[in-house]
C-alpha atoms as a PDB file:
ATOM      1  CA  MET A   1       0.023   0.033   0.062  1.00  0.00           C
ATOM      2  CA  PRO A   2       1.541   3.346  -1.007  1.00  0.00           C
ATOM      3  CA  SER A   3       2.127   5.900   1.718  1.00  0.00           C
ATOM      4  CA  GLU A   4      -0.238   8.925   2.475  1.00  0.00           C
ATOM      5  CA  LYS A   5       2.218  11.171   1.032  1.00  0.00           C
ATOM      6  CA  ILE A   6       2.414   9.496  -2.230  1.00  0.00           C
ATOM      7  CA  LEU A   7      -1.157   9.075  -2.356  1.00  0.00           C
ATOM      8  CA  GLU A   8      -1.726  12.956  -1.941  1.00  0.00           C
ATOM      9  CA  VAL A   9       0.863  13.684  -4.708  1.00  0.00           C
ATOM     10  CA  LYS A  10      -0.814  11.277  -7.025  1.00  0.00           C
ATOM     11  CA  LYS A  11      -4.413  12.724  -6.200  1.00  0.00           C
ATOM     12  CA  GLN A  12      -2.975  16.222  -6.783  1.00  0.00           C
ATOM     13  CA  ALA A  13      -1.598  15.230 -10.063  1.00  0.00           C
ATOM     14  CA  VAL A  14      -5.032  13.673 -11.287  1.00  0.00           C
ATOM     15  CA  VAL A  15      -6.694  17.110 -10.228  1.00  0.00           C
ATOM     16  CA  ASP A  16      -4.029  19.041 -12.248  1.00  0.00           C
ATOM     17  CA  LEU A  17      -4.383  16.928 -15.202  1.00  0.00           C
ATOM     18  CA  THR A  18      -8.189  17.048 -15.169  1.00  0.00           C
ATOM     19  CA  GLU A  19      -7.914  21.038 -14.826  1.00  0.00           C
ATOM     20  CA  LYS A  20      -5.464  21.162 -17.769  1.00  0.00           C
ATOM     21  CA  ILE A  21      -7.918  18.852 -19.962  1.00  0.00           C
ATOM     22  CA  ARG A  22     -10.954  20.699 -18.979  1.00  0.00           C
ATOM     23  CA  ASN A  23      -9.381  24.175 -19.949  1.00  0.00           C
ATOM     24  CA  ALA A  24      -8.088  23.282 -23.180  1.00  0.00           C
ATOM     25  CA  ALA A  25     -10.035  23.628 -26.387  1.00  0.00           C
ATOM     26  CA  ALA A  26      -8.492  20.723 -27.953  1.00  0.00           C
ATOM     27  CA  GLY A  27      -6.065  17.957 -27.109  1.00  0.00           C
ATOM     28  CA  VAL A  28      -4.313  14.981 -28.770  1.00  0.00           C
ATOM     29  CA  PHE A  29      -2.852  11.570 -27.068  1.00  0.00           C
ATOM     30  CA  VAL A  30      -0.012  10.231 -28.861  1.00  0.00           C
ATOM     31  CA  ASP A  31       2.118   6.937 -28.734  1.00  0.00           C
ATOM     32  CA  TYR A  32       5.906   8.517 -28.686  1.00  0.00           C
ATOM     33  CA  LYS A  33       7.590   5.317 -28.637  1.00  0.00           C
ATOM     34  CA  GLY A  34      10.778   5.119 -30.751  1.00  0.00           C
ATOM     35  CA  ILE A  35      11.345   8.905 -30.858  1.00  0.00           C
ATOM     36  CA  ASN A  36      14.833  10.110 -30.269  1.00  0.00           C
ATOM     37  CA  VAL A  37      15.962  12.938 -28.195  1.00  0.00           C
ATOM     38  CA  LYS A  38      16.796  15.289 -30.979  1.00  0.00           C
ATOM     39  CA  ASP A  39      13.434  14.749 -32.683  1.00  0.00           C
ATOM     40  CA  ASP A  40      11.515  14.964 -29.391  1.00  0.00           C
ATOM     41  CA  THR A  41      13.315  18.503 -28.871  1.00  0.00           C
ATOM     42  CA  ALA A  42      12.409  19.579 -32.096  1.00  0.00           C
ATOM     43  CA  LEU A  43       8.885  18.641 -31.761  1.00  0.00           C
ATOM     44  CA  ARG A  44       8.551  20.284 -28.258  1.00  0.00           C
ATOM     45  CA  ASN A  45      10.092  23.549 -29.726  1.00  0.00           C
ATOM     46  CA  LEU A  46       7.390  23.704 -32.565  1.00  0.00           C
ATOM     47  CA  MET A  47       4.591  23.006 -30.138  1.00  0.00           C
ATOM     48  CA  ARG A  48       5.729  25.782 -27.819  1.00  0.00           C
ATOM     49  CA  LYS A  49       5.923  28.205 -30.748  1.00  0.00           C
ATOM     50  CA  GLU A  50       2.460  27.256 -31.834  1.00  0.00           C
ATOM     51  CA  GLY A  51       1.140  27.523 -28.029  1.00  0.00           C
ATOM     52  CA  VAL A  52       0.454  23.995 -27.435  1.00  0.00           C
ATOM     53  CA  GLU A  53       1.579  22.303 -24.229  1.00  0.00           C
ATOM     54  CA  TYR A  54       2.883  18.778 -24.711  1.00  0.00           C
ATOM     55  CA  THR A  55       3.573  16.557 -21.703  1.00  0.00           C
ATOM     56  CA  VAL A  56       4.164  12.886 -21.221  1.00  0.00           C
ATOM     57  CA  VAL A  57       1.420  11.682 -19.041  1.00  0.00           C
ATOM     58  CA  LYS A  58       0.923   8.462 -16.749  1.00  0.00           C
ATOM     59  CA  ASN A  59      -1.618   6.150 -18.312  1.00  0.00           C
ATOM     60  CA  THR A  60      -3.237   5.244 -14.710  1.00  0.00           C
ATOM     61  CA  LEU A  61      -3.513   8.952 -13.712  1.00  0.00           C
ATOM     62  CA  THR A  62      -4.811   9.970 -16.976  1.00  0.00           C
ATOM     63  CA  ARG A  63      -7.617   7.323 -16.848  1.00  0.00           C
ATOM     64  CA  PHE A  64      -8.809   8.864 -13.647  1.00  0.00           C
ATOM     65  CA  ALA A  65      -8.932  12.371 -15.003  1.00  0.00           C
ATOM     66  CA  LEU A  66     -10.848  11.265 -18.304  1.00  0.00           C
ATOM     67  CA  LYS A  67     -13.417   9.223 -16.137  1.00  0.00           C
ATOM     68  CA  GLU A  68     -13.883  12.712 -14.160  1.00  0.00           C
ATOM     69  CA  LEU A  69     -14.508  14.477 -17.407  1.00  0.00           C
ATOM     70  CA  GLY A  70     -16.644  11.996 -18.905  1.00  0.00           C
ATOM     71  CA  TYR A  71     -14.121  11.007 -21.608  1.00  0.00           C
ATOM     72  CA  SER A  72     -14.303   7.279 -20.628  1.00  0.00           C
ATOM     73  CA  ASP A  73     -14.690   6.278 -24.231  1.00  0.00           C
ATOM     74  CA  ILE A  74     -11.003   6.960 -25.126  1.00  0.00           C
ATOM     75  CA  GLU A  75      -9.502   5.301 -22.005  1.00  0.00           C
ATOM     76  CA  ASP A  76      -8.757   2.202 -23.940  1.00  0.00           C
ATOM     77  CA  VAL A  77      -6.056   3.891 -25.935  1.00  0.00           C
ATOM     78  CA  LEU A  78      -4.091   4.559 -22.779  1.00  0.00           C
ATOM     79  CA  ASN A  79      -1.404   1.771 -22.682  1.00  0.00           C
ATOM     80  CA  GLY A  80       2.117   2.106 -23.777  1.00  0.00           C
ATOM     81  CA  THR A  81       3.926   5.240 -23.826  1.00  0.00           C
ATOM     82  CA  THR A  82       1.482   8.237 -23.965  1.00  0.00           C
ATOM     83  CA  ALA A  83       1.990  11.916 -24.317  1.00  0.00           C
ATOM     84  CA  LEU A  84      -0.751  14.580 -24.258  1.00  0.00           C
ATOM     85  CA  ALA A  85      -0.914  17.840 -26.222  1.00  0.00           C
ATOM     86  CA  VAL A  86      -3.314  20.331 -25.208  1.00  0.00           C
ATOM     87  CA  SER A  87      -4.207  24.136 -26.703  1.00  0.00           C
ATOM     88  CA  SER A  88      -6.687  26.576 -26.879  1.00  0.00           C
ATOM     89  CA  ASP A  89      -6.128  26.533 -30.630  1.00  0.00           C
ATOM     90  CA  LEU A  90      -8.710  23.748 -32.138  1.00  0.00           C
ATOM     91  CA  VAL A  91      -6.647  22.414 -34.809  1.00  0.00           C
ATOM     92  CA  ALA A  92      -3.008  23.026 -33.755  1.00  0.00           C
ATOM     93  CA  PRO A  93      -2.165  20.027 -31.689  1.00  0.00           C
ATOM     94  CA  ALA A  94      -3.667  17.605 -34.297  1.00  0.00           C
ATOM     95  CA  LYS A  95      -2.039  19.510 -37.337  1.00  0.00           C
ATOM     96  CA  ILE A  96       1.278  19.300 -35.640  1.00  0.00           C
ATOM     97  CA  LEU A  97       1.152  15.820 -34.427  1.00  0.00           C
ATOM     98  CA  CYS A  98      -0.442  14.434 -37.396  1.00  0.00           C
ATOM     99  CA  ASP A  99       2.212  15.861 -39.682  1.00  0.00           C
ATOM    100  CA  TYR A 100       4.824  14.635 -37.286  1.00  0.00           C
ATOM    101  CA  ALA A 101       3.408  11.159 -37.267  1.00  0.00           C
ATOM    102  CA  GLU A 102       3.525  10.893 -41.154  1.00  0.00           C
ATOM    103  CA  LYS A 103       7.303  11.688 -40.943  1.00  0.00           C
ATOM    104  CA  HIS A 104       8.147   9.353 -38.129  1.00  0.00           C
ATOM    105  CA  LYS A 105       6.514   5.786 -38.453  1.00  0.00           C
ATOM    106  CA  ASN A 106       7.258   5.004 -34.635  1.00  0.00           C
ATOM    107  CA  PHE A 107       5.205   7.916 -33.519  1.00  0.00           C
ATOM    108  CA  SER A 108       1.382   7.477 -33.820  1.00  0.00           C
ATOM    109  CA  VAL A 109      -1.762   9.330 -32.873  1.00  0.00           C
ATOM    110  CA  LYS A 110      -4.048   7.499 -30.257  1.00  0.00           C
ATOM    111  CA  ALA A 111      -7.010   9.747 -29.916  1.00  0.00           C
ATOM    112  CA  GLY A 112      -8.110  13.115 -29.022  1.00  0.00           C
ATOM    113  CA  PHE A 113     -10.805  15.687 -27.959  1.00  0.00           C
ATOM    114  CA  VAL A 114     -12.237  18.820 -29.172  1.00  0.00           C
ATOM    115  CA  GLU A 115     -14.497  21.107 -27.024  1.00  0.00           C
ATOM    116  CA  GLY A 116     -15.969  18.355 -24.833  1.00  0.00           C
ATOM    117  CA  LYS A 117     -16.304  15.661 -27.752  1.00  0.00           C
ATOM    118  CA  THR A 118     -13.932  12.848 -27.986  1.00  0.00           C
ATOM    119  CA  LEU A 119     -12.193  11.766 -31.318  1.00  0.00           C
ATOM    120  CA  ASP A 120     -10.549   8.567 -32.327  1.00  0.00           C
ATOM    121  CA  ALA A 121      -7.197   8.673 -34.225  1.00  0.00           C
ATOM    122  CA  ALA A 122      -9.205   9.000 -37.699  1.00  0.00           C
ATOM    123  CA  GLY A 123     -11.081  11.890 -36.202  1.00  0.00           C
ATOM    124  CA  VAL A 124      -7.802  13.613 -35.192  1.00  0.00           C
ATOM    125  CA  THR A 125      -6.469  13.086 -38.536  1.00  0.00           C
ATOM    126  CA  ALA A 126      -9.564  14.485 -40.379  1.00  0.00           C
ATOM    127  CA  LEU A 127      -9.288  17.386 -37.801  1.00  0.00           C
ATOM    128  CA  SER A 128      -5.596  18.185 -38.875  1.00  0.00           C
ATOM    129  CA  LYS A 129      -6.597  18.477 -42.549  1.00  0.00           C
ATOM    130  CA  LEU A 130      -8.782  21.424 -41.580  1.00  0.00           C
ATOM    131  CA  PRO A 131      -7.157  24.987 -41.943  1.00  0.00           C
ATOM    132  CA  SER A 132      -6.171  26.989 -38.958  1.00  0.00           C
ATOM    133  CA  LYS A 133      -8.712  29.482 -37.357  1.00  0.00           C
ATOM    134  CA  ASP A 134      -6.921  32.348 -38.913  1.00  0.00           C
ATOM    135  CA  VAL A 135      -7.069  31.034 -42.418  1.00  0.00           C
ATOM    136  CA  LEU A 136     -10.959  30.341 -41.918  1.00  0.00           C
ATOM    137  CA  VAL A 137     -11.430  33.847 -40.496  1.00  0.00           C
ATOM    138  CA  ALA A 138      -9.670  35.358 -43.445  1.00  0.00           C
ATOM    139  CA  THR A 139     -11.620  33.328 -45.876  1.00  0.00           C
ATOM    140  CA  VAL A 140     -14.997  34.327 -44.345  1.00  0.00           C
ATOM    141  CA  LEU A 141     -13.947  38.184 -44.293  1.00  0.00           C
ATOM    142  CA  GLY A 142     -12.857  37.766 -47.951  1.00  0.00           C
ATOM    143  CA  THR A 143     -16.224  36.153 -48.951  1.00  0.00           C
ATOM    144  CA  LEU A 144     -18.189  39.014 -46.995  1.00  0.00           C
ATOM    145  CA  ASN A 145     -16.083  41.649 -48.457  1.00  0.00           C
ATOM    146  CA  ALA A 146     -16.348  40.470 -52.154  1.00  0.00           C
ATOM    147  CA  PRO A 147     -19.890  41.732 -52.754  1.00  0.00           C
ATOM    148  CA  ILE A 148     -19.017  45.112 -51.215  1.00  0.00           C
ATOM    149  CA  THR A 149     -15.783  45.273 -53.463  1.00  0.00           C
ATOM    150  CA  GLY A 150     -18.039  44.468 -56.647  1.00  0.00           C
ATOM    151  CA  PHE A 151     -20.680  46.989 -55.735  1.00  0.00           C
ATOM    152  CA  VAL A 152     -18.015  49.734 -55.467  1.00  0.00           C
ATOM    153  CA  THR A 153     -16.475  48.681 -58.573  1.00  0.00           C
ATOM    154  CA  VAL A 154     -19.660  49.019 -60.374  1.00  0.00           C
ATOM    155  CA  LEU A 155     -20.698  52.477 -58.866  1.00  0.00           C
ATOM    156  CA  ASN A 156     -17.117  53.492 -59.807  1.00  0.00           C
ATOM    157  CA  GLY A 157     -17.597  52.347 -63.297  1.00  0.00           C
ATOM    158  CA  ASN A 158     -20.755  54.316 -63.777  1.00  0.00           C
ATOM    159  CA  ILE A 159     -19.348  57.495 -62.261  1.00  0.00           C
ATOM    160  CA  ARG A 160     -16.133  57.001 -64.334  1.00  0.00           C
ATOM    161  CA  GLY A 161     -18.580  56.695 -67.668  1.00  0.00           C
ATOM    162  CA  LEU A 162     -20.190  59.784 -66.634  1.00  0.00           C
ATOM    163  CA  ALA A 163     -17.205  61.755 -66.235  1.00  0.00           C
ATOM    164  CA  VAL A 164     -15.832  60.536 -69.698  1.00  0.00           C
ATOM    165  CA  ALA A 165     -19.159  61.681 -71.216  1.00  0.00           C
ATOM    166  CA  LEU A 166     -18.981  65.063 -69.761  1.00  0.00           C
ATOM    167  CA  ASN A 167     -15.623  65.514 -70.561  1.00  0.00           C
ATOM    168  CA  ALA A 168     -16.289  64.535 -74.319  1.00  0.00           C
ATOM    169  CA  ILE A 169     -19.243  67.039 -74.321  1.00  0.00           C
ATOM    170  CA  ALA A 170     -16.933  69.824 -72.891  1.00  0.00           C
ATOM    171  CA  GLU A 171     -14.319  68.932 -75.422  1.00  0.00           C
ATOM    172  CA  LYS A 172     -16.890  69.097 -78.360  1.00  0.00           C
ATOM    173  CA  LYS A 173     -18.229  72.424 -77.083  1.00  0.00           C
ATOM    174  CA  ASN A 174     -14.714  73.792 -76.952  1.00  0.00           C
ATOM    175  CA  ALA A 175     -13.942  72.811 -80.556  1.00  0.00           C
END
């Protein structure tokens, strides 16, 4: 039986992990088996730059956290080596980790979650194919801006035509 001190440390670790997952908009669980230190450091630097928090997690403690959050359907992927990437960006963890998994065959995506909904590995891969939030916002704004731009161009064309006609009349009277 573990000592009371160790139990308290583990309970606090579960509480911290639960809060980390609860406060994240999205997260991805991966199997990092076979990755070397150089590649792991490069991955962590990329994650940090994109605002993604990447940590190795203990499967047993993660199971307790997932049960508390109601994510019991992805508990079965918690075996072997497991790391968790969480972020406030909905697409960033999936995009970075799926791209990385394509380049490193020993590295694989296990499961994930987005705003309270769980995803299997295929769902995480599909999520990674979506454009980032900034690209989607720019696309929507461009779509909203297009009719206005067209309207201004049409109005500008009519005014230009009127100016040309008035200028031709003025030149004709002067001649």
